[in-house]
PDB file of N, CA and C in Angstrom:
ATOM      1  N   MET A   1       0.810  -1.009  -0.236  1.00  0.00           N
ATOM      2  CA  MET A   1      -0.026  -0.017   0.214  1.00  0.00           C
ATOM      3  C   MET A   1       0.817   1.123   0.304  1.00  0.00           C
ATOM      4  N   VAL A   2       0.566   2.257  -0.760  1.00  0.00           N
ATOM      5  CA  VAL A   2       0.970   3.372  -0.830  1.00  0.00           C
ATOM      6  C   VAL A   2       1.041   4.258   0.196  1.00  0.00           C
ATOM      7  N   ASN A   3       2.243   5.051   0.687  1.00  0.00           N
ATOM      8  CA  ASN A   3       2.411   5.771   2.162  1.00  0.00           C
ATOM      9  C   ASN A   3       1.591   7.647   1.625  1.00  0.00           C
ATOM     10  N   GLY A   4       0.343   7.459   1.985  1.00  0.00           N
ATOM     11  CA  GLY A   4      -0.329   8.873   1.481  1.00  0.00           C
ATOM     12  C   GLY A   4       0.510  10.124   2.206  1.00  0.00           C
ATOM     13  N   GLN A   5       0.669   9.499   3.401  1.00  0.00           N
ATOM     14  CA  GLN A   5       1.041  11.018   4.526  1.00  0.00           C
ATOM     15  C   GLN A   5       2.528  11.434   3.558  1.00  0.00           C
ATOM     16  N   LYS A   6       2.936  10.302   3.142  1.00  0.00           N
ATOM     17  CA  LYS A   6       4.657  10.326   3.034  1.00  0.00           C
ATOM     18  C   LYS A   6       4.344  10.814   1.606  1.00  0.00           C
ATOM     19  N   ILE A   7       3.891  10.615   0.293  1.00  0.00           N
ATOM     20  CA  ILE A   7       3.200  11.511  -0.373  1.00  0.00           C
ATOM     21  C   ILE A   7       3.306  13.368  -0.076  1.00  0.00           C
ATOM     22  N   ARG A   8       2.476  13.017   0.382  1.00  0.00           N
ATOM     23  CA  ARG A   8       1.805  14.813   1.043  1.00  0.00           C
ATOM     24  C   ARG A   8       3.076  15.628   1.803  1.00  0.00           C
ATOM     25  N   LYS A   9       3.960  14.414   2.385  1.00  0.00           N
ATOM     26  CA  LYS A   9       5.076  15.326   2.933  1.00  0.00           C
ATOM     27  C   LYS A   9       6.271  16.076   1.761  1.00  0.00           C
ATOM     28  N   LEU A  10       6.450  14.941   0.991  1.00  0.00           N
ATOM     29  CA  LEU A  10       7.204  14.692  -0.057  1.00  0.00           C
ATOM     30  C   LEU A  10       7.023  16.047  -0.777  1.00  0.00           C
ATOM     31  N   ARG A  11       5.851  16.429  -1.465  1.00  0.00           N
ATOM     32  CA  ARG A  11       4.907  17.266  -1.722  1.00  0.00           C
ATOM     33  C   ARG A  11       5.029  19.023  -1.280  1.00  0.00           C
ATOM     34  N   GLU A  12       4.969  18.877  -0.292  1.00  0.00           N
ATOM     35  CA  GLU A  12       5.085  19.833   0.824  1.00  0.00           C
ATOM     36  C   GLU A  12       6.195  20.694   0.625  1.00  0.00           C
ATOM     37  N   GLU A  13       7.670  19.319   1.250  1.00  0.00           N
ATOM     38  CA  GLU A  13       8.902  19.555   1.534  1.00  0.00           C
ATOM     39  C   GLU A  13       9.200  20.329  -0.339  1.00  0.00           C
ATOM     40  N   ALA A  14       8.803  19.818  -1.412  1.00  0.00           N
ATOM     41  CA  ALA A  14       8.453  20.264  -2.886  1.00  0.00           C
ATOM     42  C   ALA A  14       8.627  21.539  -3.189  1.00  0.00           C
ATOM     43  N   GLY A  15       7.110  22.323  -2.023  1.00  0.00           N
ATOM     44  CA  GLY A  15       6.757  23.193  -2.292  1.00  0.00           C
ATOM     45  C   GLY A  15       5.821  23.594  -3.511  1.00  0.00           C
ATOM     46  N   MET A  16       5.331  22.099  -3.265  1.00  0.00           N
ATOM     47  CA  MET A  16       4.271  21.719  -4.768  1.00  0.00           C
ATOM     48  C   MET A  16       2.942  21.881  -3.872  1.00  0.00           C
ATOM     49  N   THR A  17       2.107  22.458  -4.926  1.00  0.00           N
ATOM     50  CA  THR A  17       0.292  22.590  -4.430  1.00  0.00           C
ATOM     51  C   THR A  17      -0.210  21.085  -4.439  1.00  0.00           C
ATOM     52  N   LEU A  18      -0.984  20.861  -4.185  1.00  0.00           N
ATOM     53  CA  LEU A  18      -1.815  19.652  -4.511  1.00  0.00           C
ATOM     54  C   LEU A  18      -2.438  19.600  -6.235  1.00  0.00           C
ATOM     55  N   VAL A  19      -2.205  20.755  -6.502  1.00  0.00           N
ATOM     56  CA  VAL A  19      -2.879  21.117  -8.099  1.00  0.00           C
ATOM     57  C   VAL A  19      -1.736  20.719  -8.766  1.00  0.00           C
ATOM     58  N   GLU A  20      -0.717  21.162  -8.302  1.00  0.00           N
ATOM     59  CA  GLU A  20       0.752  20.484  -9.529  1.00  0.00           C
ATOM     60  C   GLU A  20       0.842  19.618  -9.365  1.00  0.00           C
ATOM     61  N   LEU A  21       0.553  19.159  -8.059  1.00  0.00           N
ATOM     62  CA  LEU A  21       1.516  17.712  -8.386  1.00  0.00           C
ATOM     63  C   LEU A  21       0.671  16.696  -8.974  1.00  0.00           C
ATOM     64  N   ALA A  22      -1.207  16.829  -8.881  1.00  0.00           N
ATOM     65  CA  ALA A  22      -2.106  16.317  -9.491  1.00  0.00           C
ATOM     66  C   ALA A  22      -1.641  16.485 -10.844  1.00  0.00           C
ATOM     67  N   ALA A  23      -1.083  17.496 -11.482  1.00  0.00           N
ATOM     68  CA  ALA A  23      -1.347  17.699 -13.290  1.00  0.00           C
ATOM     69  C   ALA A  23      -0.372  17.157 -13.403  1.00  0.00           C
ATOM     70  N   ALA A  24       1.276  16.612 -12.829  1.00  0.00           N
ATOM     71  CA  ALA A  24       2.169  16.449 -13.023  1.00  0.00           C
ATOM     72  C   ALA A  24       2.154  14.883 -12.873  1.00  0.00           C
ATOM     73  N   ALA A  25       1.181  14.331 -12.019  1.00  0.00           N
ATOM     74  CA  ALA A  25       1.621  12.803 -12.135  1.00  0.00           C
ATOM     75  C   ALA A  25      -0.021  12.533 -13.358  1.00  0.00           C
ATOM     76  N   GLY A  26      -0.565  13.470 -13.526  1.00  0.00           N
ATOM     77  CA  GLY A  26      -1.690  12.955 -14.546  1.00  0.00           C
ATOM     78  C   GLY A  26      -2.756  12.817 -13.699  1.00  0.00           C
ATOM     79  N   VAL A  27      -3.478  13.297 -12.995  1.00  0.00           N
ATOM     80  CA  VAL A  27      -4.844  12.651 -12.432  1.00  0.00           C
ATOM     81  C   VAL A  27      -4.913  14.267 -11.704  1.00  0.00           C
ATOM     82  N   SER A  28      -6.437  13.894 -11.350  1.00  0.00           N
ATOM     83  CA  SER A  28      -7.065  15.098 -10.849  1.00  0.00           C
ATOM     84  C   SER A  28      -6.846  15.255  -9.354  1.00  0.00           C
ATOM     85  N   THR A  29      -7.011  16.583  -9.008  1.00  0.00           N
ATOM     86  CA  THR A  29      -6.524  17.447  -8.215  1.00  0.00           C
ATOM     87  C   THR A  29      -7.586  16.284  -7.019  1.00  0.00           C
ATOM     88  N   PRO A  30      -8.522  15.296  -6.934  1.00  0.00           N
ATOM     89  CA  PRO A  30      -9.666  15.120  -5.937  1.00  0.00           C
ATOM     90  C   PRO A  30      -9.145  13.866  -5.596  1.00  0.00           C
ATOM     91  N   GLN A  31      -8.794  13.194  -7.109  1.00  0.00           N
ATOM     92  CA  GLN A  31      -7.714  11.901  -7.218  1.00  0.00           C
ATOM     93  C   GLN A  31      -6.777  11.891  -6.054  1.00  0.00           C
ATOM     94  N   LEU A  32      -5.322  13.020  -6.262  1.00  0.00           N
ATOM     95  CA  LEU A  32      -4.616  13.113  -5.680  1.00  0.00           C
ATOM     96  C   LEU A  32      -4.923  12.904  -3.999  1.00  0.00           C
ATOM     97  N   SER A  33      -6.178  13.711  -3.674  1.00  0.00           N
ATOM     98  CA  SER A  33      -6.578  14.057  -2.284  1.00  0.00           C
ATOM     99  C   SER A  33      -6.561  12.792  -1.740  1.00  0.00           C
ATOM    100  N   TYR A  34      -7.230  12.072  -2.408  1.00  0.00           N
ATOM    101  CA  TYR A  34      -7.305  10.594  -1.778  1.00  0.00           C
ATOM    102  C   TYR A  34      -6.753   9.780  -1.823  1.00  0.00           C
ATOM    103  N   ILE A  35      -5.285   9.606  -2.540  1.00  0.00           N
ATOM    104  CA  ILE A  35      -4.259   9.138  -2.846  1.00  0.00           C
ATOM    105  C   ILE A  35      -3.158   9.787  -1.308  1.00  0.00           C
ATOM    106  N   GLU A  36      -3.483  10.591  -0.974  1.00  0.00           N
ATOM    107  CA  GLU A  36      -2.548  11.090  -0.139  1.00  0.00           C
ATOM    108  C   GLU A  36      -3.320  10.601   1.275  1.00  0.00           C
ATOM    109  N   SER A  37      -4.819  10.943   1.543  1.00  0.00           N
ATOM    110  CA  SER A  37      -5.622  10.313   2.567  1.00  0.00           C
ATOM    111  C   SER A  37      -5.477   8.433   2.174  1.00  0.00           C
ATOM    112  N   SER A  38      -4.583   7.864   1.449  1.00  0.00           N
ATOM    113  CA  SER A  38      -4.505   6.764   1.526  1.00  0.00           C
ATOM    114  C   SER A  38      -5.779   5.585   1.805  1.00  0.00           C
ATOM    115  N   LEU A  39      -6.774   6.926   1.154  1.00  0.00           N
ATOM    116  CA  LEU A  39      -8.565   6.175   0.703  1.00  0.00           C
ATOM    117  C   LEU A  39      -8.410   5.771  -0.243  1.00  0.00           C
ATOM    118  N   LYS A  40      -7.030   5.489  -1.338  1.00  0.00           N
ATOM    119  CA  LYS A  40      -7.285   5.415  -2.945  1.00  0.00           C
ATOM    120  C   LYS A  40      -5.389   4.820  -2.944  1.00  0.00           C
ATOM    121  N   ASP A  41      -5.111   3.722  -3.651  1.00  0.00           N
ATOM    122  CA  ASP A  41      -4.105   3.230  -4.506  1.00  0.00           C
ATOM    123  C   ASP A  41      -4.160   3.794  -5.991  1.00  0.00           C
ATOM    124  N   PRO A  42      -2.948   4.308  -6.322  1.00  0.00           N
ATOM    125  CA  PRO A  42      -2.895   4.776  -7.738  1.00  0.00           C
ATOM    126  C   PRO A  42      -2.736   3.702  -8.565  1.00  0.00           C
ATOM    127  N   SER A  43      -2.387   3.980  -9.930  1.00  0.00           N
ATOM    128  CA  SER A  43      -1.708   3.081 -10.826  1.00  0.00           C
ATOM    129  C   SER A  43      -0.505   2.755 -10.251  1.00  0.00           C
ATOM    130  N   VAL A  44      -0.106   1.742 -11.235  1.00  0.00           N
ATOM    131  CA  VAL A  44       1.435   1.650 -11.306  1.00  0.00           C
ATOM    132  C   VAL A  44       1.549   3.043 -12.123  1.00  0.00           C
ATOM    133  N   LYS A  45       1.465   3.166 -13.269  1.00  0.00           N
ATOM    134  CA  LYS A  45       1.955   4.281 -13.677  1.00  0.00           C
ATOM    135  C   LYS A  45       1.387   6.112 -13.461  1.00  0.00           C
ATOM    136  N   VAL A  46       0.683   6.126 -12.850  1.00  0.00           N
ATOM    137  CA  VAL A  46       0.331   7.316 -11.385  1.00  0.00           C
ATOM    138  C   VAL A  46       1.556   6.994 -10.725  1.00  0.00           C
ATOM    139  N   LEU A  47       2.049   6.217  -9.454  1.00  0.00           N
ATOM    140  CA  LEU A  47       2.860   5.888  -8.928  1.00  0.00           C
ATOM    141  C   LEU A  47       4.023   6.323  -9.181  1.00  0.00           C
ATOM    142  N   GLU A  48       4.657   5.806 -10.519  1.00  0.00           N
ATOM    143  CA  GLU A  48       5.715   6.421 -10.764  1.00  0.00           C
ATOM    144  C   GLU A  48       5.976   7.826 -11.545  1.00  0.00           C
ATOM    145  N   ASN A  49       4.767   8.533 -11.661  1.00  0.00           N
ATOM    146  CA  ASN A  49       4.841  10.096 -12.151  1.00  0.00           C
ATOM    147  C   ASN A  49       5.250  10.663 -10.912  1.00  0.00           C
ATOM    148  N   ILE A  50       4.045  10.249 -10.247  1.00  0.00           N
ATOM    149  CA  ILE A  50       4.578  11.018  -8.293  1.00  0.00           C
ATOM    150  C   ILE A  50       5.893  10.754  -7.938  1.00  0.00           C
ATOM    151  N   ALA A  51       6.492   9.565  -8.102  1.00  0.00           N
ATOM    152  CA  ALA A  51       7.967   9.265  -8.010  1.00  0.00           C
ATOM    153  C   ALA A  51       8.586  10.132  -8.446  1.00  0.00           C
ATOM    154  N   ASN A  52       8.508  10.006  -9.754  1.00  0.00           N
ATOM    155  CA  ASN A  52       9.387  10.734 -10.565  1.00  0.00           C
ATOM    156  C   ASN A  52       9.358  12.874 -10.571  1.00  0.00           C
ATOM    157  N   ARG A  53       8.084  13.214 -10.164  1.00  0.00           N
ATOM    158  CA  ARG A  53       8.314  14.804  -9.969  1.00  0.00           C
ATOM    159  C   ARG A  53       8.683  14.606  -8.383  1.00  0.00           C
ATOM    160  N   LEU A  54       8.712  13.888  -7.876  1.00  0.00           N
ATOM    161  CA  LEU A  54       9.244  14.212  -6.229  1.00  0.00           C
ATOM    162  C   LEU A  54      10.609  13.836  -6.280  1.00  0.00           C
ATOM    163  N   SER A  55      11.379  13.083  -7.574  1.00  0.00           N
ATOM    164  CA  SER A  55      12.870  12.696  -7.172  1.00  0.00           C
ATOM    165  C   SER A  55      12.971  11.654  -6.114  1.00  0.00           C
ATOM    166  N   VAL A  56      12.050  10.829  -6.011  1.00  0.00           N
ATOM    167  CA  VAL A  56      12.204   9.456  -4.929  1.00  0.00           C
ATOM    168  C   VAL A  56      11.925   8.561  -6.249  1.00  0.00           C
ATOM    169  N   THR A  57      12.157   6.998  -5.421  1.00  0.00           N
ATOM    170  CA  THR A  57      11.392   6.027  -5.997  1.00  0.00           C
ATOM    171  C   THR A  57      10.112   5.335  -6.010  1.00  0.00           C
ATOM    172  N   VAL A  58       9.651   4.734  -6.393  1.00  0.00           N
ATOM    173  CA  VAL A  58       8.281   3.775  -5.998  1.00  0.00           C
ATOM    174  C   VAL A  58       8.805   3.263  -4.972  1.00  0.00           C
ATOM    175  N   ASP A  59       9.620   2.596  -4.386  1.00  0.00           N
ATOM    176  CA  ASP A  59      10.204   1.689  -3.436  1.00  0.00           C
ATOM    177  C   ASP A  59       9.681   2.942  -2.250  1.00  0.00           C
ATOM    178  N   GLU A  60      10.202   3.317  -2.111  1.00  0.00           N
ATOM    179  CA  GLU A  60       9.886   4.635  -0.929  1.00  0.00           C
ATOM    180  C   GLU A  60       8.681   5.292  -0.918  1.00  0.00           C
ATOM    181  N   LEU A  61       7.982   5.602  -2.165  1.00  0.00           N
ATOM    182  CA  LEU A  61       6.314   5.722  -1.612  1.00  0.00           C
ATOM    183  C   LEU A  61       5.678   4.210  -1.146  1.00  0.00           C
ATOM    184  N   LEU A  62       6.256   3.115  -1.624  1.00  0.00           N
ATOM    185  CA  LEU A  62       5.730   1.928  -0.604  1.00  0.00           C
ATOM    186  C   LEU A  62       6.387   1.546  -0.042  1.00  0.00           C
ATOM    187  N   ASN A  63       7.259   1.920   0.912  1.00  0.00           N
ATOM    188  CA  ASN A  63       7.509   1.837   2.306  1.00  0.00           C
ATOM    189  C   ASN A  63       8.439   1.149   2.133  1.00  0.00           C
ATOM    190  N   ARG A  64       9.262   0.889   1.062  1.00  0.00           N
ATOM    191  CA  ARG A  64      10.042  -0.274   0.472  1.00  0.00           C
ATOM    192  C   ARG A  64      11.773  -0.137   0.535  1.00  0.00           C
ATOM    193  N   SER A  65      11.925   1.135   0.988  1.00  0.00           N
ATOM    194  CA  SER A  65      13.310   1.466   0.892  1.00  0.00           C
ATOM    195  C   SER A  65      13.984   1.313   2.496  1.00  0.00           C
ATOM    196  N   ARG A  66      15.144   0.865   2.550  1.00  0.00           N
ATOM    197  CA  ARG A  66      15.837   0.913   3.276  1.00  0.00           C
ATOM    198  C   ARG A  66      15.692   2.169   4.661  1.00  0.00           C
TER     199      ARG A  66
END
């Protein structure tokens, strides 16, 4: 499962708004809000887009990093 709180924290640290990251990830703002609230898991492609934009690995977002 994706760590929505981690995505939110990384987004805020990057100085991005919810709208900006949603656009970069190719999802709607409400959908990203659900992802950050851990109410919905993103597709693999959306997860890759989020990770790329936040300069982290997909594993980090999935809590599989060291």
